[in-house]
């Protein structure tokens, strides 16, 4: 969490929450790619 001075003090909970957010984003992106594979393949082959 950022303070007024601009330095960041992250608690262990903040670190765990950031890891969870990162993993959720990764899983959602992977699921989106799998669900729309035909679109991604078509764009890749343009």
N, C-alpha and C. Protein backbone atom coordinates (compact mmCIF):
# COMPACT_ATOMS: atom_id res chain seq x y z
N UNK A 1 0.85 -1.17 0.00
CA UNK A 1 0.00 0.00 0.00
C UNK A 1 0.90 1.24 0.00
N UNK A 2 0.62 2.20 -0.84
CA UNK A 2 1.45 3.39 -0.96
C UNK A 2 1.13 4.38 0.15
N UNK A 3 2.16 5.01 0.64
CA UNK A 3 1.98 6.06 1.65
C UNK A 3 2.10 7.41 0.98
N UNK A 4 1.91 8.48 1.74
CA UNK A 4 1.99 9.83 1.17
C UNK A 4 3.36 10.13 0.60
N UNK A 5 4.41 9.56 1.17
CA UNK A 5 5.76 9.82 0.67
C UNK A 5 6.05 9.07 -0.62
N UNK A 6 5.15 8.17 -1.01
CA UNK A 6 5.36 7.43 -2.25
C UNK A 6 6.09 6.12 -2.04
N UNK A 7 6.48 5.81 -0.81
CA UNK A 7 7.12 4.52 -0.56
C UNK A 7 6.05 3.48 -0.35
N UNK A 8 6.39 2.26 -0.61
CA UNK A 8 5.41 1.19 -0.49
C UNK A 8 5.78 0.27 0.65
N UNK A 9 4.81 0.01 1.52
CA UNK A 9 5.01 -0.94 2.60
C UNK A 9 3.99 -2.04 2.41
N UNK A 10 4.45 -3.20 2.04
CA UNK A 10 3.56 -4.32 1.76
C UNK A 10 3.60 -5.30 2.93
N UNK A 11 2.43 -5.60 3.44
CA UNK A 11 2.33 -6.60 4.49
C UNK A 11 2.32 -7.98 3.84
N UNK A 12 2.52 -9.02 4.63
CA UNK A 12 2.42 -10.37 4.07
C UNK A 12 1.05 -10.62 3.41
N UNK A 13 0.00 -10.06 4.00
CA UNK A 13 -1.34 -10.22 3.40
C UNK A 13 -1.39 -9.53 2.04
N UNK A 14 -0.80 -8.34 1.92
CA UNK A 14 -0.77 -7.65 0.63
C UNK A 14 -0.04 -8.50 -0.41
N UNK A 15 1.05 -9.13 -0.01
CA UNK A 15 1.81 -9.97 -0.94
C UNK A 15 0.99 -11.16 -1.40
N UNK A 16 0.28 -11.80 -0.48
CA UNK A 16 -0.56 -12.95 -0.82
C UNK A 16 -1.70 -12.51 -1.74
N UNK A 17 -2.33 -11.39 -1.43
CA UNK A 17 -3.43 -10.90 -2.26
C UNK A 17 -2.94 -10.57 -3.67
N UNK A 18 -1.76 -10.00 -3.80
CA UNK A 18 -1.20 -9.70 -5.12
C UNK A 18 -0.94 -10.98 -5.89
N UNK A 19 -0.42 -12.00 -5.22
CA UNK A 19 -0.21 -13.30 -5.87
C UNK A 19 -1.52 -13.89 -6.36
N UNK A 20 -2.57 -13.78 -5.54
CA UNK A 20 -3.88 -14.30 -5.91
C UNK A 20 -4.43 -13.54 -7.11
N UNK A 21 -4.32 -12.22 -7.09
CA UNK A 21 -4.79 -11.40 -8.22
C UNK A 21 -4.06 -11.79 -9.50
N UNK A 22 -2.73 -11.93 -9.42
CA UNK A 22 -1.93 -12.28 -10.59
C UNK A 22 -2.37 -13.63 -11.14
N UNK A 23 -2.58 -14.61 -10.27
CA UNK A 23 -3.01 -15.94 -10.71
C UNK A 23 -4.40 -15.90 -11.34
N UNK A 24 -5.31 -15.13 -10.76
CA UNK A 24 -6.66 -15.01 -11.33
C UNK A 24 -6.61 -14.40 -12.72
N UNK A 25 -5.81 -13.36 -12.89
CA UNK A 25 -5.68 -12.72 -14.20
C UNK A 25 -5.11 -13.71 -15.20
N UNK A 26 -4.10 -14.47 -14.78
CA UNK A 26 -3.49 -15.47 -15.67
C UNK A 26 -4.51 -16.52 -16.08
N UNK A 27 -5.31 -17.00 -15.13
CA UNK A 27 -6.31 -18.03 -15.43
C UNK A 27 -7.42 -17.50 -16.33
N UNK A 28 -7.88 -16.28 -16.07
CA UNK A 28 -8.94 -15.71 -16.90
C UNK A 28 -8.43 -15.51 -18.32
N UNK A 29 -7.20 -15.02 -18.46
CA UNK A 29 -6.64 -14.82 -19.80
C UNK A 29 -6.49 -16.15 -20.54
N UNK A 30 -6.03 -17.19 -19.83
CA UNK A 30 -5.87 -18.49 -20.46
C UNK A 30 -7.23 -19.06 -20.87
N UNK A 31 -8.22 -18.90 -20.02
CA UNK A 31 -9.56 -19.38 -20.34
C UNK A 31 -10.13 -18.63 -21.54
N UNK A 32 -9.89 -17.32 -21.59
CA UNK A 32 -10.36 -16.52 -22.71
C UNK A 32 -9.71 -16.98 -24.01
N UNK A 33 -8.40 -17.22 -23.96
CA UNK A 33 -7.70 -17.71 -25.16
C UNK A 33 -8.26 -19.05 -25.61
N UNK A 34 -8.51 -19.96 -24.63
CA UNK A 34 -9.04 -21.27 -24.99
C UNK A 34 -10.45 -21.17 -25.55
N UNK A 35 -11.27 -20.31 -24.96
CA UNK A 35 -12.66 -20.16 -25.41
C UNK A 35 -12.74 -19.52 -26.79
N UNK A 36 -11.79 -18.69 -27.12
CA UNK A 36 -11.81 -17.96 -28.39
C UNK A 36 -10.64 -18.36 -29.28
N UNK A 37 -10.22 -19.61 -29.17
CA UNK A 37 -9.06 -20.09 -29.91
C UNK A 37 -9.18 -19.83 -31.40
N UNK A 38 -10.36 -20.05 -31.99
CA UNK A 38 -10.52 -19.85 -33.43
C UNK A 38 -10.26 -18.40 -33.83
N UNK A 39 -10.68 -17.46 -33.00
CA UNK A 39 -10.45 -16.03 -33.28
C UNK A 39 -8.97 -15.71 -33.19
N UNK A 40 -8.32 -16.19 -32.14
CA UNK A 40 -6.88 -15.93 -31.98
C UNK A 40 -6.10 -16.56 -33.14
N UNK A 41 -6.47 -17.77 -33.54
CA UNK A 41 -5.79 -18.41 -34.64
C UNK A 41 -5.97 -17.62 -35.95
N UNK A 42 -7.19 -17.13 -36.18
CA UNK A 42 -7.45 -16.34 -37.39
C UNK A 42 -6.64 -15.05 -37.38
N UNK A 43 -6.55 -14.40 -36.24
CA UNK A 43 -5.76 -13.16 -36.17
C UNK A 43 -4.28 -13.44 -36.37
N UNK A 44 -3.81 -14.57 -35.86
CA UNK A 44 -2.41 -14.93 -36.00
C UNK A 44 -2.06 -15.18 -37.46
N UNK A 45 -3.01 -15.71 -38.22
CA UNK A 45 -2.76 -16.08 -39.61
C UNK A 45 -3.06 -14.99 -40.61
N UNK A 46 -3.40 -13.78 -40.15
CA UNK A 46 -3.69 -12.69 -41.09
C UNK A 46 -2.44 -12.19 -41.74
